[in-house]
Amino acid sequence: MKHKLDNFGVFQRPGFAPRIFQTGSPLDTTYTNWVNRVSRDTLTQTPASFLVTGDTAKLGFKGKGKNIPFNVSMHYEFLKRYRIGLGYSYEYLTLGEFQPISFKDSIGTFRPGQYRGWMRKFYGYAGVSFYRIDKFLFTGDLQVGSYKPKRNFDNSLIKKGIYFNLGVTIERELSENLRLFVRPSYDFKRYTLNVANNGSSIKHRMNAAYLQVGFSYSIPELPRCFLKDCKIQINHAHGNKEYRSRRHPIYKKQNPGYGENHPTLIKYKGKNKRKLNPY
């Protein structure tokens, strides 16, 4: 997270967290929180205090936080390459300490109040698969949508836009319909916090790097065979309708053309696997 204080000044009194004040206004109102909500107080100036304004220096703060996302999405895949869909994410958000961009020897660090909370996202999804090697599939994808922090942010003072997320999904096929995936990505988000009653505001950048791990499941195109005793491993027909096998475990790779429930004979497993002809 990062922001600039072009229309504000920074007031640092030894032994206290830094405050900001509006440029051109008396130093009788200072702000102790201007990141996720607005908190005001008054702190008298002493001879040892440090004071600087944004019209004479480059002022601002930056800090790091942690997100733990819980994400659910669904998409439609066509031409065996393109994807389009929707998703929802609910994230646990923790804000860390903010450090000054300049005057690091004179301005201290601070941590916003109510720094823990949740954030939700709704987004649209689009992706293109661009590379395959054996059981691994690489897909470049884009998420575009809205986000809303919960109670630890004062949403009545915040003006948000849409967010963008760029990533690459790496999937490993576990079976015909089940895949394990890893998705590194980067988030671009911005919001504006109204600080003073006269409309003065601070623009914040809230970008994030993610590494998500999960499972994806493809809904089968064919219905499951209705005969409980049917042991056929391949896609097959009963009457004039085609069905998929009842013998395909969700966790095991299968070829719908010939099965593969037992691709390696027992005589080639275990202690016999290194023998050329064990029988």
C-alpha atoms as a PDB file:
ATOM      1  CA  MET A   1       0.000   0.000   0.000  1.00  0.00           C
ATOM      2  CA  LYS A   2       1.202   3.498  -0.792  1.00  0.00           C
ATOM      3  CA  HIS A   3      -0.086   7.088  -0.791  1.00  0.00           C
ATOM      4  CA  LYS A   4       1.170  10.650  -1.237  1.00  0.00           C
ATOM      5  CA  LEU A   5       0.398  13.720   0.873  1.00  0.00           C
ATOM      6  CA  ASP A   6       0.581  16.556  -1.652  1.00  0.00           C
ATOM      7  CA  ASN A   7      -1.973  18.793   0.129  1.00  0.00           C
ATOM      8  CA  PHE A   8      -1.017  17.863   3.673  1.00  0.00           C
ATOM      9  CA  GLY A   9       1.868  18.203   6.074  1.00  0.00           C
ATOM     10  CA  VAL A  10       3.407  15.774   8.552  1.00  0.00           C
ATOM     11  CA  PHE A  11       3.759  16.593  12.248  1.00  0.00           C
ATOM     12  CA  GLN A  12       6.094  14.416  14.315  1.00  0.00           C
ATOM     13  CA  ARG A  13       6.412  14.933  18.047  1.00  0.00           C
ATOM     14  CA  PRO A  14       8.964  12.716  19.840  1.00  0.00           C
ATOM     15  CA  GLY A  15       7.307   9.823  21.646  1.00  0.00           C
ATOM     16  CA  PHE A  16       4.150   9.920  19.504  1.00  0.00           C
ATOM     17  CA  ALA A  17       3.057   8.409  16.213  1.00  0.00           C
ATOM     18  CA  PRO A  18       3.201  10.814  13.245  1.00  0.00           C
ATOM     19  CA  ARG A  19       0.214  13.018  12.477  1.00  0.00           C
ATOM     20  CA  ILE A  20      -0.819  14.802   9.325  1.00  0.00           C
ATOM     21  CA  PHE A  21      -2.512  18.175   8.966  1.00  0.00           C
ATOM     22  CA  GLN A  22      -4.018  20.069   6.091  1.00  0.00           C
ATOM     23  CA  THR A  23      -1.711  22.573   4.404  1.00  0.00           C
ATOM     24  CA  GLY A  24      -2.794  26.184   5.005  1.00  0.00           C
ATOM     25  CA  SER A  25      -4.830  25.334   8.104  1.00  0.00           C
ATOM     26  CA  PRO A  26      -3.934  25.968  11.748  1.00  0.00           C
ATOM     27  CA  LEU A  27      -2.230  23.133  13.593  1.00  0.00           C
ATOM     28  CA  ASP A  28      -5.183  22.683  15.930  1.00  0.00           C
ATOM     29  CA  THR A  29      -6.550  19.615  14.123  1.00  0.00           C
ATOM     30  CA  THR A  30      -4.326  16.693  13.223  1.00  0.00           C
ATOM     31  CA  TYR A  31      -5.128  13.231  11.901  1.00  0.00           C
ATOM     32  CA  THR A  32      -3.851  10.008  13.423  1.00  0.00           C
ATOM     33  CA  ASN A  33      -5.442   7.708  10.819  1.00  0.00           C
ATOM     34  CA  TRP A  34      -5.915   8.526   7.153  1.00  0.00           C
ATOM     35  CA  VAL A  35      -5.602   5.036   5.624  1.00  0.00           C
ATOM     36  CA  ASN A  36      -8.755   3.016   6.328  1.00  0.00           C
ATOM     37  CA  ARG A  37     -10.786   5.648   8.214  1.00  0.00           C
ATOM     38  CA  VAL A  38     -10.401   9.225   9.533  1.00  0.00           C
ATOM     39  CA  SER A  39      -9.352   9.820  13.140  1.00  0.00           C
ATOM     40  CA  ARG A  40      -8.734  13.350  14.462  1.00  0.00           C
ATOM     41  CA  ASP A  41      -7.048  14.689  17.588  1.00  0.00           C
ATOM     42  CA  THR A  42      -5.099  17.709  18.847  1.00  0.00           C
ATOM     43  CA  LEU A  43      -1.464  17.518  19.822  1.00  0.00           C
ATOM     44  CA  THR A  44       0.504  20.566  20.907  1.00  0.00           C
ATOM     45  CA  GLN A  45       3.765  21.406  19.210  1.00  0.00           C
ATOM     46  CA  THR A  46       7.015  21.370  21.182  1.00  0.00           C
ATOM     47  CA  PRO A  47      10.473  22.768  20.304  1.00  0.00           C
ATOM     48  CA  ALA A  48      11.660  19.226  19.466  1.00  0.00           C
ATOM     49  CA  SER A  49       8.777  18.576  17.066  1.00  0.00           C
ATOM     50  CA  PHE A  50       9.387  18.052  13.355  1.00  0.00           C
ATOM     51  CA  LEU A  51       7.085  19.798  10.890  1.00  0.00           C
ATOM     52  CA  VAL A  52       7.079  19.633   7.078  1.00  0.00           C
ATOM     53  CA  THR A  53       4.470  20.361   4.415  1.00  0.00           C
ATOM     54  CA  GLY A  54       3.756  18.625   1.117  1.00  0.00           C
ATOM     55  CA  ASP A  55       4.170  21.784  -0.954  1.00  0.00           C
ATOM     56  CA  THR A  56       7.859  21.924  -0.039  1.00  0.00           C
ATOM     57  CA  ALA A  57       8.784  18.233   0.040  1.00  0.00           C
ATOM     58  CA  LYS A  58       7.686  14.851  -1.300  1.00  0.00           C
ATOM     59  CA  LEU A  59       5.616  13.349   1.487  1.00  0.00           C
ATOM     60  CA  GLY A  60       3.811  10.061   1.815  1.00  0.00           C
ATOM     61  CA  PHE A  61       3.804   6.657   3.453  1.00  0.00           C
ATOM     62  CA  LYS A  62       3.995   3.073   2.268  1.00  0.00           C
ATOM     63  CA  GLY A  63       3.410  -0.226   4.009  1.00  0.00           C
ATOM     64  CA  LYS A  64       2.699  -3.907   3.573  1.00  0.00           C
ATOM     65  CA  GLY A  65      -0.202  -6.090   4.564  1.00  0.00           C
ATOM     66  CA  LYS A  66      -1.319  -9.704   4.309  1.00  0.00           C
ATOM     67  CA  ASN A  67      -4.295 -11.197   2.516  1.00  0.00           C
ATOM     68  CA  ILE A  68      -5.659 -14.727   2.890  1.00  0.00           C
ATOM     69  CA  PRO A  69      -8.197 -15.227   0.068  1.00  0.00           C
ATOM     70  CA  PHE A  70     -10.956 -17.828  -0.108  1.00  0.00           C
ATOM     71  CA  ASN A  71     -11.989 -17.942  -3.741  1.00  0.00           C
ATOM     72  CA  VAL A  72     -14.729 -19.706  -5.721  1.00  0.00           C
ATOM     73  CA  SER A  73     -15.169 -19.281  -9.481  1.00  0.00           C
ATOM     74  CA  MET A  74     -16.784 -20.975 -12.435  1.00  0.00           C
ATOM     75  CA  HIS A  75     -16.090 -20.600 -16.132  1.00  0.00           C
ATOM     76  CA  TYR A  76     -17.113 -21.930 -19.508  1.00  0.00           C
ATOM     77  CA  GLU A  77     -14.362 -23.317 -21.734  1.00  0.00           C
ATOM     78  CA  PHE A  78     -14.735 -23.337 -25.508  1.00  0.00           C
ATOM     79  CA  LEU A  79     -12.563 -24.334 -28.461  1.00  0.00           C
ATOM     80  CA  LYS A  80     -10.397 -26.152 -25.872  1.00  0.00           C
ATOM     81  CA  ARG A  81      -8.516 -22.918 -25.303  1.00  0.00           C
ATOM     82  CA  TYR A  82     -10.669 -19.937 -24.289  1.00  0.00           C
ATOM     83  CA  ARG A  83     -12.398 -19.362 -20.942  1.00  0.00           C
ATOM     84  CA  ILE A  84     -14.972 -16.895 -19.645  1.00  0.00           C
ATOM     85  CA  GLY A  85     -16.697 -16.863 -16.273  1.00  0.00           C
ATOM     86  CA  LEU A  86     -17.472 -15.273 -12.897  1.00  0.00           C
ATOM     87  CA  GLY A  87     -16.013 -15.476  -9.412  1.00  0.00           C
ATOM     88  CA  TYR A  88     -16.313 -14.444  -5.777  1.00  0.00           C
ATOM     89  CA  SER A  89     -13.526 -13.938  -3.247  1.00  0.00           C
ATOM     90  CA  TYR A  90     -13.656 -13.333   0.495  1.00  0.00           C
ATOM     91  CA  GLU A  91     -10.323 -12.250   1.947  1.00  0.00           C
ATOM     92  CA  TYR A  92      -8.921 -11.807   5.429  1.00  0.00           C
ATOM     93  CA  LEU A  93      -6.946  -8.552   5.373  1.00  0.00           C
ATOM     94  CA  THR A  94      -4.303  -7.347   7.819  1.00  0.00           C
ATOM     95  CA  LEU A  95      -2.637  -3.944   7.471  1.00  0.00           C
ATOM     96  CA  GLY A  96       0.979  -3.667   8.572  1.00  0.00           C
ATOM     97  CA  GLU A  97       3.128  -0.721   9.619  1.00  0.00           C
ATOM     98  CA  PHE A  98       3.490   2.302   7.341  1.00  0.00           C
ATOM     99  CA  GLN A  99       6.868   3.937   6.840  1.00  0.00           C
ATOM    100  CA  PRO A 100       7.576   7.439   5.507  1.00  0.00           C
ATOM    101  CA  ILE A 101       8.729   7.807   1.909  1.00  0.00           C
ATOM    102  CA  SER A 102      11.071  10.656   2.845  1.00  0.00           C
ATOM    103  CA  PHE A 103      12.566  12.153   6.059  1.00  0.00           C
ATOM    104  CA  LYS A 104      12.932   8.659   7.513  1.00  0.00           C
ATOM    105  CA  ASP A 105      15.258   9.944  10.236  1.00  0.00           C
ATOM    106  CA  SER A 106      12.717  12.497  11.457  1.00  0.00           C
ATOM    107  CA  ILE A 107       9.333  10.820  10.855  1.00  0.00           C
ATOM    108  CA  GLY A 108       8.338   7.618  12.607  1.00  0.00           C
ATOM    109  CA  THR A 109       6.166   4.705  11.567  1.00  0.00           C
ATOM    110  CA  PHE A 110       2.528   4.054  12.433  1.00  0.00           C
ATOM    111  CA  ARG A 111      -0.079   1.335  12.150  1.00  0.00           C
ATOM    112  CA  PRO A 112      -3.692   2.275  11.366  1.00  0.00           C
ATOM    113  CA  GLY A 113      -6.397   1.545  13.887  1.00  0.00           C
ATOM    114  CA  GLN A 114      -8.657  -1.442  13.242  1.00  0.00           C
ATOM    115  CA  TYR A 115      -6.057  -2.907  10.947  1.00  0.00           C
ATOM    116  CA  ARG A 116      -7.710  -6.344  10.744  1.00  0.00           C
ATOM    117  CA  GLY A 117     -10.807  -7.117   8.741  1.00  0.00           C
ATOM    118  CA  TRP A 118     -12.323  -8.688   5.659  1.00  0.00           C
ATOM    119  CA  MET A 119     -12.742  -7.736   2.025  1.00  0.00           C
ATOM    120  CA  ARG A 120     -15.021  -9.195  -0.628  1.00  0.00           C
ATOM    121  CA  LYS A 121     -14.659  -9.242  -4.415  1.00  0.00           C
ATOM    122  CA  PHE A 122     -16.980  -9.936  -7.334  1.00  0.00           C
ATOM    123  CA  TYR A 123     -15.315 -10.293 -10.704  1.00  0.00           C
ATOM    124  CA  GLY A 124     -15.574 -11.369 -14.286  1.00  0.00           C
ATOM    125  CA  TYR A 125     -12.995 -13.766 -15.641  1.00  0.00           C
ATOM    126  CA  ALA A 126     -11.386 -14.364 -19.047  1.00  0.00           C
ATOM    127  CA  GLY A 127      -8.474 -16.626 -19.945  1.00  0.00           C
ATOM    128  CA  VAL A 128      -6.518 -18.145 -22.827  1.00  0.00           C
ATOM    129  CA  SER A 129      -4.587 -21.432 -22.592  1.00  0.00           C
ATOM    130  CA  PHE A 130      -1.261 -20.901 -24.344  1.00  0.00           C
ATOM    131  CA  TYR A 131       0.963 -23.890 -23.523  1.00  0.00           C
ATOM    132  CA  ARG A 132       0.688 -27.565 -22.629  1.00  0.00           C
ATOM    133  CA  ILE A 133       3.369 -30.057 -21.632  1.00  0.00           C
ATOM    134  CA  ASP A 134       2.294 -33.585 -20.724  1.00  0.00           C
ATOM    135  CA  LYS A 135      -0.263 -33.252 -17.881  1.00  0.00           C
ATOM    136  CA  PHE A 136       0.408 -29.537 -17.250  1.00  0.00           C
ATOM    137  CA  LEU A 137      -1.641 -26.734 -18.815  1.00  0.00           C
ATOM    138  CA  PHE A 138      -0.689 -23.021 -18.673  1.00  0.00           C
ATOM    139  CA  THR A 139      -3.431 -20.380 -18.957  1.00  0.00           C
ATOM    140  CA  GLY A 140      -3.043 -16.603 -18.888  1.00  0.00           C
ATOM    141  CA  ASP A 141      -6.084 -14.974 -17.301  1.00  0.00           C
ATOM    142  CA  LEU A 142      -7.606 -11.663 -16.273  1.00  0.00           C
ATOM    143  CA  GLN A 143     -10.046 -10.763 -13.490  1.00  0.00           C
ATOM    144  CA  VAL A 144     -11.945  -7.460 -13.549  1.00  0.00           C
ATOM    145  CA  GLY A 145     -14.495  -6.536 -10.910  1.00  0.00           C
ATOM    146  CA  SER A 146     -15.466  -4.656  -7.768  1.00  0.00           C
ATOM    147  CA  TYR A 147     -14.080  -4.897  -4.255  1.00  0.00           C
ATOM    148  CA  LYS A 148     -15.351  -3.710  -0.885  1.00  0.00           C
ATOM    149  CA  PRO A 149     -13.494  -3.713   2.442  1.00  0.00           C
ATOM    150  CA  LYS A 150     -15.631  -4.485   5.473  1.00  0.00           C
ATOM    151  CA  ARG A 151     -15.948  -2.834   8.905  1.00  0.00           C
ATOM    152  CA  ASN A 152     -12.299  -1.954   9.408  1.00  0.00           C
ATOM    153  CA  PHE A 153     -12.650   0.549   6.530  1.00  0.00           C
ATOM    154  CA  ASP A 154     -15.048   3.510   6.666  1.00  0.00           C
ATOM    155  CA  ASN A 155     -16.737   2.955   3.306  1.00  0.00           C
ATOM    156  CA  SER A 156     -18.811   6.142   3.671  1.00  0.00           C
ATOM    157  CA  LEU A 157     -15.605   8.158   3.151  1.00  0.00           C
ATOM    158  CA  ILE A 158     -14.067   5.960   0.466  1.00  0.00           C
ATOM    159  CA  LYS A 159     -14.514   6.197  -3.284  1.00  0.00           C
ATOM    160  CA  LYS A 160     -13.487   2.996  -5.034  1.00  0.00           C
ATOM    161  CA  GLY A 161     -13.063   1.978  -8.643  1.00  0.00           C
ATOM    162  CA  ILE A 162     -12.801  -1.398 -10.307  1.00  0.00           C
ATOM    163  CA  TYR A 163      -9.791  -3.636  -9.769  1.00  0.00           C
ATOM    164  CA  PHE A 164      -7.694  -5.655 -12.212  1.00  0.00           C
ATOM    165  CA  ASN A 165      -5.918  -8.926 -11.557  1.00  0.00           C
ATOM    166  CA  LEU A 166      -3.432 -10.485 -13.997  1.00  0.00           C
ATOM    167  CA  GLY A 167      -2.197 -14.032 -13.486  1.00  0.00           C
ATOM    168  CA  VAL A 168      -1.111 -17.370 -14.903  1.00  0.00           C
ATOM    169  CA  THR A 169      -2.933 -20.544 -13.895  1.00  0.00           C
ATOM    170  CA  ILE A 170      -0.805 -23.714 -13.963  1.00  0.00           C
ATOM    171  CA  GLU A 171      -2.988 -26.826 -13.847  1.00  0.00           C
ATOM    172  CA  ARG A 172      -1.933 -30.424 -13.318  1.00  0.00           C
ATOM    173  CA  GLU A 173      -4.439 -33.027 -14.485  1.00  0.00           C
ATOM    174  CA  LEU A 174      -5.235 -35.601 -11.790  1.00  0.00           C
ATOM    175  CA  SER A 175      -8.057 -37.276 -13.682  1.00  0.00           C
ATOM    176  CA  GLU A 176     -10.370 -36.650 -16.603  1.00  0.00           C
ATOM    177  CA  ASN A 177     -12.262 -33.907 -14.715  1.00  0.00           C
ATOM    178  CA  LEU A 178     -10.171 -33.057 -11.625  1.00  0.00           C
ATOM    179  CA  ARG A 179      -7.156 -30.731 -11.672  1.00  0.00           C
ATOM    180  CA  LEU A 180      -4.771 -29.272  -9.129  1.00  0.00           C
ATOM    181  CA  PHE A 181      -3.758 -25.685  -9.893  1.00  0.00           C
ATOM    182  CA  VAL A 182      -1.341 -22.992  -8.758  1.00  0.00           C
ATOM    183  CA  ARG A 183      -2.036 -19.379  -9.740  1.00  0.00           C
ATOM    184  CA  PRO A 184       0.478 -16.552  -9.148  1.00  0.00           C
ATOM    185  CA  SER A 185      -1.090 -13.171  -9.884  1.00  0.00           C
ATOM    186  CA  TYR A 186      -0.913  -9.425  -9.231  1.00  0.00           C
ATOM    187  CA  ASP A 187      -3.741  -7.134  -8.170  1.00  0.00           C
ATOM    188  CA  PHE A 188      -4.189  -3.448  -9.116  1.00  0.00           C
ATOM    189  CA  LYS A 189      -6.549  -1.478  -6.816  1.00  0.00           C
ATOM    190  CA  ARG A 190      -6.982   2.192  -5.929  1.00  0.00           C
ATOM    191  CA  TYR A 191      -9.292   4.161  -3.662  1.00  0.00           C
ATOM    192  CA  THR A 192      -9.708   7.745  -2.496  1.00  0.00           C
ATOM    193  CA  LEU A 193     -10.327   8.621   1.163  1.00  0.00           C
ATOM    194  CA  ASN A 194     -12.057  11.933   1.947  1.00  0.00           C
ATOM    195  CA  VAL A 195     -10.262  13.388   4.948  1.00  0.00           C
ATOM    196  CA  ALA A 196     -11.457  16.953   5.585  1.00  0.00           C
ATOM    197  CA  ASN A 197     -14.929  18.490   5.417  1.00  0.00           C
ATOM    198  CA  ASN A 198     -13.834  20.776   2.579  1.00  0.00           C
ATOM    199  CA  GLY A 199     -13.374  17.835   0.206  1.00  0.00           C
ATOM    200  CA  SER A 200      -9.640  17.282   0.633  1.00  0.00           C
ATOM    201  CA  SER A 201      -8.763  13.667  -0.072  1.00  0.00           C
ATOM    202  CA  ILE A 202      -5.856  11.235  -0.220  1.00  0.00           C
ATOM    203  CA  LYS A 203      -5.372   8.746  -3.040  1.00  0.00           C
ATOM    204  CA  HIS A 204      -4.247   5.277  -1.990  1.00  0.00           C
ATOM    205  CA  ARG A 205      -2.818   2.403  -4.001  1.00  0.00           C
ATOM    206  CA  MET A 206      -3.673  -1.036  -2.639  1.00  0.00           C
ATOM    207  CA  ASN A 207      -1.872  -3.460  -4.948  1.00  0.00           C
ATOM    208  CA  ALA A 208      -1.252  -7.057  -3.961  1.00  0.00           C
ATOM    209  CA  ALA A 209       0.672 -10.145  -5.068  1.00  0.00           C
ATOM    210  CA  TYR A 210      -1.119 -13.488  -4.688  1.00  0.00           C
ATOM    211  CA  LEU A 211      -0.194 -17.152  -4.808  1.00  0.00           C
ATOM    212  CA  GLN A 212      -3.323 -19.281  -4.845  1.00  0.00           C
ATOM    213  CA  VAL A 213      -3.531 -23.075  -4.670  1.00  0.00           C
ATOM    214  CA  GLY A 214      -6.666 -25.109  -5.226  1.00  0.00           C
ATOM    215  CA  PHE A 215      -8.648 -27.657  -7.201  1.00  0.00           C
ATOM    216  CA  SER A 216     -10.798 -27.286 -10.289  1.00  0.00           C
ATOM    217  CA  TYR A 217     -13.481 -29.701 -11.463  1.00  0.00           C
ATOM    218  CA  SER A 218     -14.937 -29.934 -14.954  1.00  0.00           C
ATOM    219  CA  ILE A 219     -18.575 -30.951 -15.252  1.00  0.00           C
ATOM    220  CA  PRO A 220     -18.644 -34.108 -17.443  1.00  0.00           C
ATOM    221  CA  GLU A 221     -20.263 -33.806 -20.861  1.00  0.00           C
ATOM    222  CA  LEU A 222     -21.852 -37.277 -20.661  1.00  0.00           C
ATOM    223  CA  PRO A 223     -24.194 -38.516 -17.923  1.00  0.00           C
ATOM    224  CA  ARG A 224     -23.024 -41.306 -15.679  1.00  0.00           C
ATOM    225  CA  CYS A 225     -24.132 -44.826 -16.661  1.00  0.00           C
ATOM    226  CA  PHE A 226     -27.407 -45.678 -14.953  1.00  0.00           C
ATOM    227  CA  LEU A 227     -26.652 -49.404 -14.569  1.00  0.00           C
ATOM    228  CA  LYS A 228     -25.118 -50.021 -11.142  1.00  0.00           C
ATOM    229  CA  ASP A 229     -23.531 -53.318 -12.202  1.00  0.00           C
ATOM    230  CA  CYS A 230     -22.023 -51.950 -15.428  1.00  0.00           C
ATOM    231  CA  LYS A 231     -18.228 -52.450 -15.394  1.00  0.00           C
ATOM    232  CA  ILE A 232     -17.347 -50.939 -18.769  1.00  0.00           C
ATOM    233  CA  GLN A 233     -14.430 -48.503 -18.376  1.00  0.00           C
ATOM    234  CA  ILE A 234     -14.838 -46.590 -21.646  1.00  0.00           C
ATOM    235  CA  ASN A 235     -17.561 -44.211 -22.813  1.00  0.00           C
ATOM    236  CA  HIS A 236     -20.298 -46.462 -24.142  1.00  0.00           C
ATOM    237  CA  ALA A 237     -23.907 -46.611 -25.285  1.00  0.00           C
ATOM    238  CA  HIS A 238     -27.069 -48.195 -23.940  1.00  0.00           C
ATOM    239  CA  GLY A 239     -29.737 -48.081 -26.570  1.00  0.00           C
ATOM    240  CA  ASN A 240     -29.397 -44.842 -28.533  1.00  0.00           C
ATOM    241  CA  LYS A 241     -27.785 -42.785 -25.743  1.00  0.00           C
ATOM    242  CA  GLU A 242     -24.110 -42.519 -24.752  1.00  0.00           C
ATOM    243  CA  TYR A 243     -22.881 -42.650 -21.144  1.00  0.00           C
ATOM    244  CA  ARG A 244     -19.605 -42.336 -19.276  1.00  0.00           C
ATOM    245  CA  SER A 245     -18.239 -45.165 -17.173  1.00  0.00           C
ATOM    246  CA  ARG A 246     -19.181 -45.722 -13.553  1.00  0.00           C
ATOM    247  CA  ARG A 247     -15.654 -47.065 -12.978  1.00  0.00           C
ATOM    248  CA  HIS A 248     -13.745 -43.798 -13.407  1.00  0.00           C
ATOM    249  CA  PRO A 249     -12.493 -42.604  -9.983  1.00  0.00           C
ATOM    250  CA  ILE A 250     -12.508 -38.815  -9.645  1.00  0.00           C
ATOM    251  CA  TYR A 251      -8.889 -38.875  -8.401  1.00  0.00           C
ATOM    252  CA  LYS A 252      -7.414 -41.088 -11.142  1.00  0.00           C
ATOM    253  CA  LYS A 253      -6.468 -40.305 -14.732  1.00  0.00           C
ATOM    254  CA  GLN A 254      -8.650 -42.093 -17.274  1.00  0.00           C
ATOM    255  CA  ASN A 255      -8.757 -42.294 -21.041  1.00  0.00           C
ATOM    256  CA  PRO A 256     -12.435 -42.333 -22.071  1.00  0.00           C
ATOM    257  CA  GLY A 257     -11.472 -44.512 -25.039  1.00  0.00           C
ATOM    258  CA  TYR A 258     -10.109 -47.507 -23.123  1.00  0.00           C
ATOM    259  CA  GLY A 259     -10.246 -46.859 -19.368  1.00  0.00           C
ATOM    260  CA  GLU A 260      -6.844 -47.199 -17.643  1.00  0.00           C
ATOM    261  CA  ASN A 261      -8.078 -48.308 -14.243  1.00  0.00           C
ATOM    262  CA  HIS A 262      -5.152 -50.774 -14.192  1.00  0.00           C
ATOM    263  CA  PRO A 263      -2.580 -49.444 -16.715  1.00  0.00           C
ATOM    264  CA  THR A 264       0.237 -51.519 -15.118  1.00  0.00           C
ATOM    265  CA  LEU A 265      -0.151 -55.260 -14.581  1.00  0.00           C
ATOM    266  CA  ILE A 266       0.355 -56.595 -11.060  1.00  0.00           C
ATOM    267  CA  LYS A 267       3.299 -58.757 -12.181  1.00  0.00           C
ATOM    268  CA  TYR A 268       5.183 -55.556 -13.054  1.00  0.00           C
ATOM    269  CA  LYS A 269       4.552 -53.859  -9.688  1.00  0.00           C
ATOM    270  CA  GLY A 270       6.287 -53.975  -6.295  1.00  0.00           C
ATOM    271  CA  LYS A 271       9.305 -56.269  -6.004  1.00  0.00           C
ATOM    272  CA  ASN A 272       8.931 -57.392  -9.635  1.00  0.00           C
ATOM    273  CA  LYS A 273       9.048 -53.962 -11.247  1.00  0.00           C
ATOM    274  CA  ARG A 274      12.818 -54.141 -11.921  1.00  0.00           C
ATOM    275  CA  LYS A 275      12.719 -57.573 -13.530  1.00  0.00           C
ATOM    276  CA  LEU A 276      12.518 -57.808 -17.276  1.00  0.00           C
ATOM    277  CA  ASN A 277      10.416 -61.012 -17.208  1.00  0.00           C
ATOM    278  CA  PRO A 278       9.389 -61.939 -13.659  1.00  0.00           C
ATOM    279  CA  TYR A 279       7.417 -65.044 -14.774  1.00  0.00           C
END
